[in-house]
């Protein structure tokens, strides 16, 4: 059962919207290598508004993701790509429907 999740809101700097979109698309193969990331979505909600939603079986999986390669790369590029710091929300999952 999935019990934990993250919702991370990202606001692109003006003129960096396409770069942020490409960064998020490029992150997908990296996340594939995280065994405890059971669901991962990069979302575009508007011209400059993006988000990441991902789900985990437990706190350890969520913590591992937050300390992983995608999070490190995002923080490294934050000043270049983001208009403001990522808004990271730690979420408890009440129910899910995932394959497997």
N, C-alpha and C. Protein backbone atom coordinates (compact mmCIF):
# COMPACT_ATOMS: atom_id res chain seq x y z
N UNK A 1 0.85 -1.19 0.00
CA UNK A 1 0.00 0.00 0.00
C UNK A 1 0.88 1.24 0.00
N UNK A 2 0.50 2.20 -0.77
CA UNK A 2 1.16 3.49 -0.79
C UNK A 2 0.64 4.30 0.40
N UNK A 3 1.55 4.80 1.22
CA UNK A 3 1.13 5.54 2.41
C UNK A 3 1.63 6.98 2.46
N UNK A 4 2.63 7.29 1.65
CA UNK A 4 3.24 8.63 1.69
C UNK A 4 3.36 9.19 0.29
N UNK A 5 3.37 10.52 0.18
CA UNK A 5 3.51 11.18 -1.12
C UNK A 5 4.18 12.53 -0.94
N UNK A 6 4.52 13.10 -2.07
CA UNK A 6 5.03 14.47 -2.13
C UNK A 6 4.29 15.22 -3.21
N UNK A 7 3.98 16.46 -2.93
CA UNK A 7 3.50 17.39 -3.95
C UNK A 7 4.44 18.57 -3.90
N UNK A 8 5.12 18.83 -5.01
CA UNK A 8 6.12 19.90 -5.07
C UNK A 8 5.70 20.89 -6.15
N UNK A 9 5.34 22.10 -5.74
CA UNK A 9 4.96 23.14 -6.70
C UNK A 9 6.21 23.87 -7.14
N UNK A 10 6.32 24.08 -8.46
CA UNK A 10 7.48 24.75 -9.05
C UNK A 10 6.99 25.89 -9.93
N UNK A 11 7.53 27.08 -9.72
CA UNK A 11 7.19 28.24 -10.54
C UNK A 11 8.43 28.64 -11.33
N UNK A 12 8.32 28.55 -12.66
CA UNK A 12 9.45 28.85 -13.53
C UNK A 12 9.72 30.36 -13.57
N UNK A 13 11.00 30.69 -13.69
CA UNK A 13 11.38 32.08 -13.94
C UNK A 13 10.88 32.47 -15.32
N UNK A 14 10.55 33.75 -15.51
CA UNK A 14 10.15 34.19 -16.85
C UNK A 14 11.25 33.85 -17.87
N UNK A 15 10.83 33.25 -18.96
CA UNK A 15 11.76 32.84 -20.01
C UNK A 15 12.39 31.48 -19.79
N UNK A 16 12.15 30.86 -18.63
CA UNK A 16 12.74 29.56 -18.32
C UNK A 16 11.71 28.43 -18.29
N UNK A 17 10.51 28.72 -18.75
CA UNK A 17 9.43 27.73 -18.71
C UNK A 17 9.80 26.47 -19.51
N UNK A 18 10.30 26.65 -20.68
CA UNK A 18 10.66 25.51 -21.54
C UNK A 18 11.81 24.72 -20.92
N UNK A 19 12.77 25.43 -20.34
CA UNK A 19 13.91 24.75 -19.70
C UNK A 19 13.46 23.90 -18.51
N UNK A 20 12.52 24.44 -17.72
CA UNK A 20 12.01 23.67 -16.59
C UNK A 20 11.23 22.45 -17.08
N UNK A 21 10.43 22.64 -18.12
CA UNK A 21 9.69 21.51 -18.70
C UNK A 21 10.64 20.41 -19.17
N UNK A 22 11.69 20.79 -19.85
CA UNK A 22 12.67 19.81 -20.34
C UNK A 22 13.41 19.13 -19.18
N UNK A 23 13.72 19.89 -18.15
CA UNK A 23 14.36 19.31 -16.96
C UNK A 23 13.47 18.22 -16.37
N UNK A 24 12.19 18.52 -16.22
CA UNK A 24 11.26 17.55 -15.63
C UNK A 24 11.13 16.30 -16.50
N UNK A 25 11.05 16.48 -17.80
CA UNK A 25 10.96 15.32 -18.70
C UNK A 25 12.21 14.46 -18.60
N UNK A 26 13.37 15.09 -18.49
CA UNK A 26 14.64 14.36 -18.40
C UNK A 26 14.79 13.63 -17.07
N UNK A 27 14.03 14.03 -16.05
CA UNK A 27 14.12 13.39 -14.74
C UNK A 27 13.44 12.03 -14.69
N UNK A 28 12.49 11.79 -15.59
CA UNK A 28 11.71 10.54 -15.55
C UNK A 28 12.58 9.28 -15.55
N UNK A 29 13.57 9.15 -16.43
CA UNK A 29 14.38 7.93 -16.41
C UNK A 29 15.18 7.75 -15.11
N UNK A 30 15.55 8.85 -14.49
CA UNK A 30 16.29 8.76 -13.21
C UNK A 30 15.39 8.17 -12.14
N UNK A 31 14.15 8.64 -12.09
CA UNK A 31 13.20 8.16 -11.08
C UNK A 31 12.88 6.68 -11.28
N UNK A 32 12.96 6.19 -12.52
CA UNK A 32 12.71 4.77 -12.79
C UNK A 32 13.63 3.88 -11.97
N UNK A 33 14.81 4.38 -11.62
CA UNK A 33 15.75 3.59 -10.84
C UNK A 33 15.53 3.63 -9.35
N UNK A 34 14.49 4.30 -8.89
CA UNK A 34 14.18 4.38 -7.46
C UNK A 34 13.11 3.34 -7.12
N UNK A 35 13.50 2.26 -6.48
CA UNK A 35 12.53 1.18 -6.25
C UNK A 35 11.35 1.56 -5.36
N UNK A 36 11.52 2.52 -4.47
CA UNK A 36 10.43 2.88 -3.57
C UNK A 36 9.60 4.06 -4.06
N UNK A 37 9.90 4.58 -5.25
CA UNK A 37 9.04 5.59 -5.86
C UNK A 37 8.07 4.83 -6.75
N UNK A 38 6.85 4.60 -6.22
CA UNK A 38 5.89 3.74 -6.92
C UNK A 38 5.06 4.49 -7.95
N UNK A 39 5.02 5.82 -7.84
CA UNK A 39 4.33 6.65 -8.84
C UNK A 39 5.05 7.99 -8.87
N UNK A 40 5.21 8.54 -10.08
CA UNK A 40 5.88 9.83 -10.24
C UNK A 40 5.27 10.53 -11.43
N UNK A 41 4.87 11.78 -11.22
CA UNK A 41 4.27 12.58 -12.28
C UNK A 41 4.90 13.96 -12.29
N UNK A 42 5.30 14.43 -13.45
CA UNK A 42 5.67 15.82 -13.66
C UNK A 42 4.48 16.47 -14.35
N UNK A 43 4.02 17.59 -13.81
CA UNK A 43 2.75 18.19 -14.23
C UNK A 43 2.97 19.63 -14.65
N UNK A 44 2.32 20.04 -15.73
CA UNK A 44 2.29 21.45 -16.13
C UNK A 44 0.88 21.95 -15.93
N UNK A 45 0.74 23.00 -15.10
CA UNK A 45 -0.58 23.51 -14.75
C UNK A 45 -0.89 24.85 -15.39
N UNK A 46 0.09 25.45 -16.00
CA UNK A 46 -0.08 26.75 -16.64
C UNK A 46 1.25 27.14 -17.27
N UNK A 47 1.32 28.33 -17.81
CA UNK A 47 2.53 28.74 -18.51
C UNK A 47 3.78 28.61 -17.66
N UNK A 48 3.73 29.02 -16.41
CA UNK A 48 4.92 29.00 -15.56
C UNK A 48 4.76 28.09 -14.34
N UNK A 49 3.62 27.46 -14.19
CA UNK A 49 3.34 26.64 -13.02
C UNK A 49 3.46 25.16 -13.33
N UNK A 50 4.34 24.50 -12.60
CA UNK A 50 4.62 23.08 -12.75
C UNK A 50 4.55 22.44 -11.37
N UNK A 51 4.51 21.12 -11.36
CA UNK A 51 4.54 20.39 -10.09
C UNK A 51 5.07 18.99 -10.32
N UNK A 52 5.49 18.40 -9.24
CA UNK A 52 5.84 16.98 -9.21
C UNK A 52 4.96 16.35 -8.15
N UNK A 53 4.34 15.24 -8.51
CA UNK A 53 3.60 14.43 -7.53
C UNK A 53 4.18 13.04 -7.58
N UNK A 54 4.57 12.53 -6.43
CA UNK A 54 5.09 11.16 -6.38
C UNK A 54 4.63 10.48 -5.11
N UNK A 55 4.61 9.14 -5.15
CA UNK A 55 4.07 8.35 -4.05
C UNK A 55 5.05 7.25 -3.67
N UNK A 56 4.95 6.85 -2.38
CA UNK A 56 5.91 5.92 -1.79
C UNK A 56 5.21 4.99 -0.81
N UNK A 57 5.80 3.82 -0.54
CA UNK A 57 5.18 2.90 0.40
C UNK A 57 5.33 3.34 1.85
N UNK A 58 6.33 4.20 2.14
CA UNK A 58 6.61 4.57 3.53
C UNK A 58 7.50 5.81 3.58
N UNK A 59 7.78 6.26 4.81
CA UNK A 59 8.63 7.44 5.00
C UNK A 59 10.03 7.21 4.47
N UNK A 60 10.56 6.03 4.63
CA UNK A 60 11.93 5.75 4.17
C UNK A 60 12.05 5.93 2.67
N UNK A 61 11.06 5.49 1.91
CA UNK A 61 11.08 5.66 0.46
C UNK A 61 10.99 7.12 0.09
N UNK A 62 10.13 7.85 0.77
CA UNK A 62 10.00 9.29 0.50
C UNK A 62 11.30 10.02 0.84
N UNK A 63 11.89 9.69 1.98
CA UNK A 63 13.15 10.33 2.37
C UNK A 63 14.27 10.01 1.38
N UNK A 64 14.32 8.77 0.91
CA UNK A 64 15.34 8.39 -0.06
C UNK A 64 15.18 9.20 -1.35
N UNK A 65 13.95 9.40 -1.78
CA UNK A 65 13.70 10.20 -2.98
C UNK A 65 14.15 11.65 -2.77
N UNK A 66 13.83 12.21 -1.62
CA UNK A 66 14.21 13.59 -1.33
C UNK A 66 15.73 13.78 -1.26
N UNK A 67 16.44 12.69 -1.01
CA UNK A 67 17.90 12.74 -0.96
C UNK A 67 18.54 12.21 -2.24
N UNK A 68 17.70 11.93 -3.25
CA UNK A 68 18.17 11.31 -4.48
C UNK A 68 18.65 12.29 -5.53
N UNK A 69 18.95 11.75 -6.70
CA UNK A 69 19.56 12.50 -7.79
C UNK A 69 18.66 13.60 -8.36
N UNK A 70 17.37 13.33 -8.48
CA UNK A 70 16.48 14.34 -9.07
C UNK A 70 16.37 15.55 -8.14
N UNK A 71 16.18 15.29 -6.86
CA UNK A 71 16.09 16.39 -5.90
C UNK A 71 17.38 17.20 -5.88
N UNK A 72 18.51 16.53 -5.91
CA UNK A 72 19.80 17.22 -5.89
C UNK A 72 19.96 18.07 -7.16
N UNK A 73 19.60 17.53 -8.31
CA UNK A 73 19.72 18.27 -9.56
C UNK A 73 18.78 19.48 -9.58
N UNK A 74 17.57 19.30 -9.05
CA UNK A 74 16.62 20.40 -9.02
C UNK A 74 17.15 21.53 -8.13
N UNK A 75 17.67 21.18 -6.97
CA UNK A 75 18.19 22.21 -6.08
C UNK A 75 19.40 22.90 -6.69
N UNK A 76 20.19 22.16 -7.44
CA UNK A 76 21.37 22.74 -8.09
C UNK A 76 20.97 23.75 -9.17
N UNK A 77 19.83 23.51 -9.84
CA UNK A 77 19.39 24.38 -10.93
C UNK A 77 18.30 25.36 -10.49
N UNK A 78 17.94 25.34 -9.21
CA UNK A 78 16.83 26.16 -8.72
C UNK A 78 17.02 27.64 -9.03
N UNK A 79 18.19 28.19 -8.76
CA UNK A 79 18.42 29.62 -9.01
C UNK A 79 18.28 29.97 -10.48
N UNK A 80 18.65 29.05 -11.35
CA UNK A 80 18.57 29.28 -12.79
C UNK A 80 17.15 29.17 -13.33
N UNK A 81 16.39 28.16 -12.84
CA UNK A 81 15.09 27.83 -13.43
C UNK A 81 13.88 28.36 -12.69
N UNK A 82 13.98 28.54 -11.37
CA UNK A 82 12.79 28.80 -10.56
C UNK A 82 12.70 30.25 -10.09
N UNK A 83 11.47 30.78 -10.12
CA UNK A 83 11.20 32.13 -9.65
C UNK A 83 11.15 32.21 -8.13
N UNK A 84 10.92 31.06 -7.50
CA UNK A 84 10.85 30.98 -6.03
C UNK A 84 11.23 29.57 -5.60
N UNK A 85 11.52 29.42 -4.34
CA UNK A 85 11.91 28.09 -3.83
C UNK A 85 10.78 27.09 -4.05
N UNK A 86 11.12 25.83 -4.35
CA UNK A 86 10.07 24.81 -4.49
C UNK A 86 9.23 24.71 -3.21
N UNK A 87 7.93 24.61 -3.37
CA UNK A 87 7.03 24.41 -2.23
C UNK A 87 6.81 22.91 -2.08
N UNK A 88 7.45 22.32 -1.08
CA UNK A 88 7.42 20.86 -0.89
C UNK A 88 6.39 20.52 0.18
N UNK A 89 5.41 19.73 -0.20
CA UNK A 89 4.35 19.29 0.72
C UNK A 89 4.47 17.78 0.93
N UNK A 90 4.66 17.37 2.17
CA UNK A 90 4.67 15.95 2.53
C UNK A 90 3.23 15.54 2.81
N UNK A 91 2.78 14.51 2.14
CA UNK A 91 1.37 14.13 2.16
C UNK A 91 1.22 12.69 2.64
N UNK A 92 0.17 12.43 3.41
CA UNK A 92 -0.21 11.07 3.78
C UNK A 92 -1.27 10.60 2.78
N UNK A 93 -1.08 9.41 2.22
CA UNK A 93 -2.03 8.85 1.26
C UNK A 93 -3.07 8.03 2.03
N UNK A 94 -4.32 8.31 1.79
CA UNK A 94 -5.41 7.59 2.46
C UNK A 94 -5.86 6.37 1.69
N UNK A 95 -5.80 6.43 0.36
CA UNK A 95 -6.18 5.32 -0.50
C UNK A 95 -5.50 5.51 -1.85
N UNK A 96 -5.33 4.43 -2.58
CA UNK A 96 -4.72 4.54 -3.90
C UNK A 96 -5.28 3.48 -4.84
N UNK A 97 -5.00 3.68 -6.11
CA UNK A 97 -5.29 2.68 -7.13
C UNK A 97 -4.09 2.70 -8.08
N UNK A 98 -3.21 1.78 -7.89
CA UNK A 98 -2.00 1.66 -8.71
C UNK A 98 -1.90 0.25 -9.25
N UNK A 99 -1.29 0.08 -10.41
CA UNK A 99 -1.11 -1.28 -10.92
C UNK A 99 -0.17 -2.07 -10.02
N UNK A 100 -0.37 -3.35 -10.01
CA UNK A 100 0.52 -4.24 -9.26
C UNK A 100 0.05 -4.44 -7.91
